[in-house]
Amino acid sequence: IPVVIIVFCVLLAKYFKWAGKVNKAATLKTGRRTYKEELLYSAHLIFHPFDGFWDLKHENRGSVRGALTFIALTVVAFCFEYSGMNVFMQIIGVMLPIFLFVTANWCLTTLFEGEGSFKDIFVATGYSLAPLPFFTILSTLLSYVLTAEEAGIIGMINSLAYIWVGLLLFFGVMITHDYQLGKNILTVIGTIVGMIVIVFLVALFGTLIGKIISFISNIITELSFRT
């Protein structure tokens, strides 16, 4: 295990060194970035969220396809972690919270002078997930070699991953809409409330549609009996 950890750390250091060179070269580049440059920009963004999200929006260092890639990697990581569960349910479990967050945040910030478009919010949200697949796969692999007494290490890794993603998402919203800290805190809280409201309205609408269908079905059944 110590040898594996050392090799892993060396490979990780080499990756970030290589990604840093690519990002530095892409900074001086004009025009559209390549798909590789868009993905590797996450190596800079996750450690430098303030200028990272600023360049993500204003310098077009990221894209929708890059955000979709990180979302897809998150789905793959969760499928690897919960290998016995349905893949479709994993996709819904990842995409639904993202859709609710982006929609609620866009609706709220439109009313409160937010500068980010629906696309900007989606891209920032997708790139905020960049560390999650890595930590999820790492914790899953460690679960095969660690004992029950060492399960706290896995819990610590998962906690670190979600805290990191949460901070990136918080700062991503802040930079995307050019908000101050206090206003951004209120916006994030309002977004969470908005997500709950959207779920409630969808559930209410679904129940209403179900009752209408049932009512029409009962009328048709009654008419068929009378005729």
Protein backbone atom coordinates (compact mmCIF):
# COMPACT_ATOMS: atom_id res chain seq x y z
CA ILE A 1 0.00 0.00 0.00
CA PRO A 2 2.75 2.58 0.79
CA VAL A 3 4.37 1.86 -2.58
CA VAL A 4 1.06 2.30 -4.37
CA ILE A 5 0.45 5.59 -2.55
CA ILE A 6 3.90 6.90 -3.49
CA VAL A 7 3.47 5.92 -7.15
CA PHE A 8 0.01 7.46 -7.17
CA CYS A 9 1.28 10.76 -5.73
CA VAL A 10 4.14 10.89 -8.25
CA LEU A 11 1.77 10.30 -11.17
CA LEU A 12 -0.65 12.90 -9.80
CA ALA A 13 2.15 15.47 -9.49
CA LYS A 14 3.25 14.77 -13.08
CA TYR A 15 -0.33 15.17 -14.28
CA PHE A 16 -0.78 18.57 -12.65
CA LYS A 17 2.62 19.69 -13.96
CA TRP A 18 1.64 18.69 -17.49
CA ALA A 19 -1.81 20.26 -17.13
CA GLY A 20 -0.17 23.47 -15.89
CA LYS A 21 1.95 23.68 -19.03
CA VAL A 22 -1.08 23.13 -21.26
CA ASN A 23 -3.08 25.77 -19.37
CA LYS A 24 -0.22 28.26 -19.55
CA ALA A 25 0.06 27.78 -23.30
CA ALA A 26 -3.73 28.08 -23.69
CA THR A 27 -3.68 31.41 -21.84
CA LEU A 28 -1.73 33.00 -24.67
CA LYS A 29 -3.85 31.36 -27.34
CA THR A 30 -6.51 33.31 -29.20
CA GLY A 31 -9.70 31.84 -30.58
CA ARG A 32 -11.52 28.69 -29.59
CA ARG A 33 -9.80 26.27 -27.21
CA THR A 34 -9.49 22.59 -27.98
CA TYR A 35 -11.48 19.97 -26.11
CA LYS A 36 -8.31 18.84 -24.29
CA GLU A 37 -7.54 22.40 -23.18
CA GLU A 38 -11.10 22.85 -21.91
CA LEU A 39 -10.89 19.69 -19.82
CA LEU A 40 -7.39 20.32 -18.46
CA TYR A 41 -8.40 23.81 -17.38
CA SER A 42 -10.20 22.12 -14.47
CA ALA A 43 -6.75 21.36 -12.97
CA HIS A 44 -6.29 25.11 -12.55
CA LEU A 45 -9.87 25.94 -11.62
CA ILE A 46 -10.18 23.54 -8.68
CA PHE A 47 -7.21 25.18 -6.92
CA HIS A 48 -7.81 28.78 -8.04
CA PRO A 49 -11.60 29.19 -8.09
CA PHE A 50 -11.69 33.00 -8.18
CA ASP A 51 -9.70 33.65 -11.34
CA GLY A 52 -10.61 30.16 -12.56
CA PHE A 53 -14.35 30.81 -12.77
CA TRP A 54 -13.71 34.34 -14.03
CA ASP A 55 -11.71 33.05 -16.99
CA LEU A 56 -14.17 30.21 -17.43
CA LYS A 57 -16.87 32.76 -18.21
CA HIS A 58 -15.08 35.78 -19.65
CA GLU A 59 -12.18 34.09 -21.45
CA ASN A 60 -14.17 31.06 -22.67
CA ARG A 61 -11.76 28.62 -21.06
CA GLY A 62 -14.56 26.09 -20.63
CA SER A 63 -17.60 24.97 -22.57
CA VAL A 64 -20.88 23.09 -22.34
CA ARG A 65 -19.21 19.95 -23.70
CA GLY A 66 -16.57 20.21 -20.97
CA ALA A 67 -19.26 20.57 -18.30
CA LEU A 68 -21.16 17.60 -19.74
CA THR A 69 -17.95 15.57 -19.66
CA PHE A 70 -17.45 16.16 -15.94
CA ILE A 71 -21.09 15.32 -15.31
CA ALA A 72 -20.68 12.10 -17.31
CA LEU A 73 -17.51 11.24 -15.37
CA THR A 74 -19.45 11.76 -12.13
CA VAL A 75 -22.13 9.35 -13.34
CA VAL A 76 -19.46 6.78 -14.27
CA ALA A 77 -17.81 7.17 -10.86
CA PHE A 78 -21.11 6.61 -9.05
CA CYS A 79 -21.86 3.60 -11.25
CA PHE A 80 -18.47 2.22 -10.27
CA GLU A 81 -19.15 2.88 -6.59
CA TYR A 82 -22.69 1.46 -6.63
CA SER A 83 -22.14 -1.25 -9.24
CA GLY A 84 -25.31 -3.12 -8.28
CA MET A 85 -27.65 -0.21 -8.96
CA ASN A 86 -29.41 0.65 -12.20
CA VAL A 87 -27.40 2.92 -14.52
CA PHE A 88 -30.50 4.93 -15.40
CA MET A 89 -31.11 5.67 -11.73
CA GLN A 90 -27.50 6.85 -11.38
CA ILE A 91 -27.97 9.23 -14.31
CA ILE A 92 -31.19 10.60 -12.79
CA GLY A 93 -29.49 10.87 -9.38
CA VAL A 94 -26.78 13.12 -10.84
CA MET A 95 -28.67 15.04 -13.52
CA LEU A 96 -31.80 15.87 -11.51
CA PRO A 97 -30.04 17.84 -8.70
CA ILE A 98 -27.91 19.65 -11.30
CA PHE A 99 -30.96 20.59 -13.37
CA LEU A 100 -32.84 21.75 -10.28
CA PHE A 101 -29.88 23.81 -9.04
CA VAL A 102 -29.20 25.47 -12.39
CA THR A 103 -32.87 26.20 -13.04
CA ALA A 104 -33.57 27.56 -9.55
CA ASN A 105 -30.40 29.67 -9.54
CA TRP A 106 -31.13 31.09 -12.98
CA CYS A 107 -34.71 31.97 -12.06
CA LEU A 108 -33.61 33.65 -8.83
CA THR A 109 -30.59 35.53 -10.15
CA THR A 110 -32.60 36.84 -13.11
CA LEU A 111 -34.65 38.77 -10.57
CA PHE A 112 -31.63 39.92 -8.54
CA GLU A 113 -29.36 41.36 -11.23
CA GLY A 114 -27.27 38.27 -11.78
CA GLU A 115 -24.87 38.54 -14.72
CA GLY A 116 -24.74 34.84 -15.54
CA SER A 117 -26.89 33.21 -18.20
CA PHE A 118 -28.40 29.73 -17.95
CA LYS A 119 -25.43 28.44 -19.96
CA ASP A 120 -22.90 30.17 -17.67
CA ILE A 121 -24.49 28.64 -14.57
CA PHE A 122 -24.58 25.19 -16.14
CA VAL A 123 -20.92 25.34 -17.21
CA ALA A 124 -19.80 26.58 -13.77
CA THR A 125 -21.82 23.82 -12.10
CA GLY A 126 -20.37 21.14 -14.35
CA TYR A 127 -16.78 22.25 -13.77
CA SER A 128 -17.42 22.40 -10.02
CA LEU A 129 -17.89 18.62 -10.12
CA ALA A 130 -14.35 18.07 -11.45
CA PRO A 131 -12.84 16.71 -8.18
CA LEU A 132 -15.80 14.43 -7.37
CA PRO A 133 -15.18 11.55 -9.85
CA PHE A 134 -11.54 11.30 -8.79
CA PHE A 135 -12.29 11.10 -5.06
CA THR A 136 -15.25 8.76 -5.59
CA ILE A 137 -13.19 6.27 -7.58
CA LEU A 138 -10.31 6.58 -5.09
CA SER A 139 -12.55 5.86 -2.10
CA THR A 140 -14.16 2.94 -3.94
CA LEU A 141 -10.78 1.38 -4.72
CA LEU A 142 -9.63 1.85 -1.13
CA SER A 143 -12.78 0.14 0.12
CA TYR A 144 -11.47 -3.10 -1.42
CA VAL A 145 -8.20 -3.04 0.55
CA LEU A 146 -8.97 -1.25 3.82
CA THR A 147 -10.34 -3.03 6.86
CA ALA A 148 -13.55 -2.14 8.67
CA GLU A 149 -11.54 -0.29 11.34
CA GLU A 150 -10.04 1.91 8.60
CA ALA A 151 -13.39 2.84 7.07
CA GLY A 152 -13.03 6.32 8.55
CA ILE A 153 -10.44 7.07 5.87
CA ILE A 154 -13.01 6.44 3.16
CA GLY A 155 -15.53 8.64 4.96
CA MET A 156 -12.93 11.39 5.25
CA ILE A 157 -12.16 11.21 1.52
CA ASN A 158 -15.85 11.38 0.59
CA SER A 159 -16.42 14.29 2.99
CA LEU A 160 -13.45 16.16 1.52
CA ALA A 161 -14.81 15.61 -1.99
CA TYR A 162 -18.28 16.99 -1.22
CA ILE A 163 -16.91 19.94 0.76
CA TRP A 164 -14.55 20.77 -2.09
CA VAL A 165 -17.34 20.57 -4.67
CA GLY A 166 -19.61 22.65 -2.44
CA LEU A 167 -17.00 25.40 -2.12
CA LEU A 168 -16.34 25.39 -5.85
CA LEU A 169 -20.06 25.62 -6.54
CA PHE A 170 -20.41 28.47 -4.05
CA PHE A 171 -17.57 30.49 -5.54
CA GLY A 172 -18.65 29.55 -9.05
CA VAL A 173 -22.07 31.13 -8.49
CA MET A 174 -20.43 34.13 -6.85
CA ILE A 175 -18.03 34.83 -9.73
CA THR A 176 -20.51 33.98 -12.47
CA HIS A 177 -23.04 36.54 -11.24
CA ASP A 178 -20.45 39.02 -9.90
CA TYR A 179 -22.02 39.01 -6.43
CA GLN A 180 -20.57 40.11 -3.12
CA LEU A 181 -20.16 37.49 -0.40
CA GLY A 182 -23.30 38.40 1.58
CA LYS A 183 -25.53 38.53 -1.49
CA ASN A 184 -24.11 35.25 -2.73
CA ILE A 185 -24.90 33.51 0.58
CA LEU A 186 -28.51 34.69 0.34
CA THR A 187 -28.64 33.62 -3.30
CA VAL A 188 -27.40 30.10 -2.52
CA ILE A 189 -29.93 29.75 0.30
CA GLY A 190 -32.65 31.05 -2.00
CA THR A 191 -31.54 28.58 -4.68
CA ILE A 192 -31.90 25.66 -2.27
CA VAL A 193 -35.38 26.89 -1.31
CA GLY A 194 -36.18 27.29 -5.01
CA MET A 195 -35.14 23.69 -5.68
CA ILE A 196 -37.55 22.52 -2.98
CA VAL A 197 -40.34 24.68 -4.43
CA ILE A 198 -39.75 23.30 -7.94
CA VAL A 199 -39.91 19.71 -6.65
CA PHE A 200 -43.12 20.53 -4.76
CA LEU A 201 -44.74 22.15 -7.82
CA VAL A 202 -43.76 19.27 -10.09
CA ALA A 203 -45.14 16.75 -7.59
CA LEU A 204 -48.32 18.81 -7.23
CA PHE A 205 -48.70 19.09 -11.00
CA GLY A 206 -48.10 15.36 -11.41
CA THR A 207 -50.76 14.58 -8.78
CA LEU A 208 -53.21 16.94 -10.49
CA ILE A 209 -52.61 15.34 -13.89
CA GLY A 210 -53.08 11.89 -12.33
CA LYS A 211 -56.43 12.95 -10.82
CA ILE A 212 -57.59 14.42 -14.15
CA ILE A 213 -56.68 11.23 -15.98
CA SER A 214 -58.44 9.17 -13.32
CA PHE A 215 -61.54 11.40 -13.56
CA ILE A 216 -61.68 11.09 -17.35
CA SER A 217 -61.13 7.34 -17.11
CA ASN A 218 -64.01 7.01 -14.62
CA ILE A 219 -66.32 9.00 -16.91
CA ILE A 220 -65.44 6.82 -19.90
CA THR A 221 -66.00 3.66 -17.82
CA GLU A 222 -69.36 4.96 -16.55
CA LEU A 223 -70.52 5.89 -20.05
CA SER A 224 -69.50 2.49 -21.39
CA PHE A 225 -71.58 0.78 -18.70
CA ARG A 226 -74.65 2.94 -19.43
CA THR A 227 -74.49 2.43 -23.17
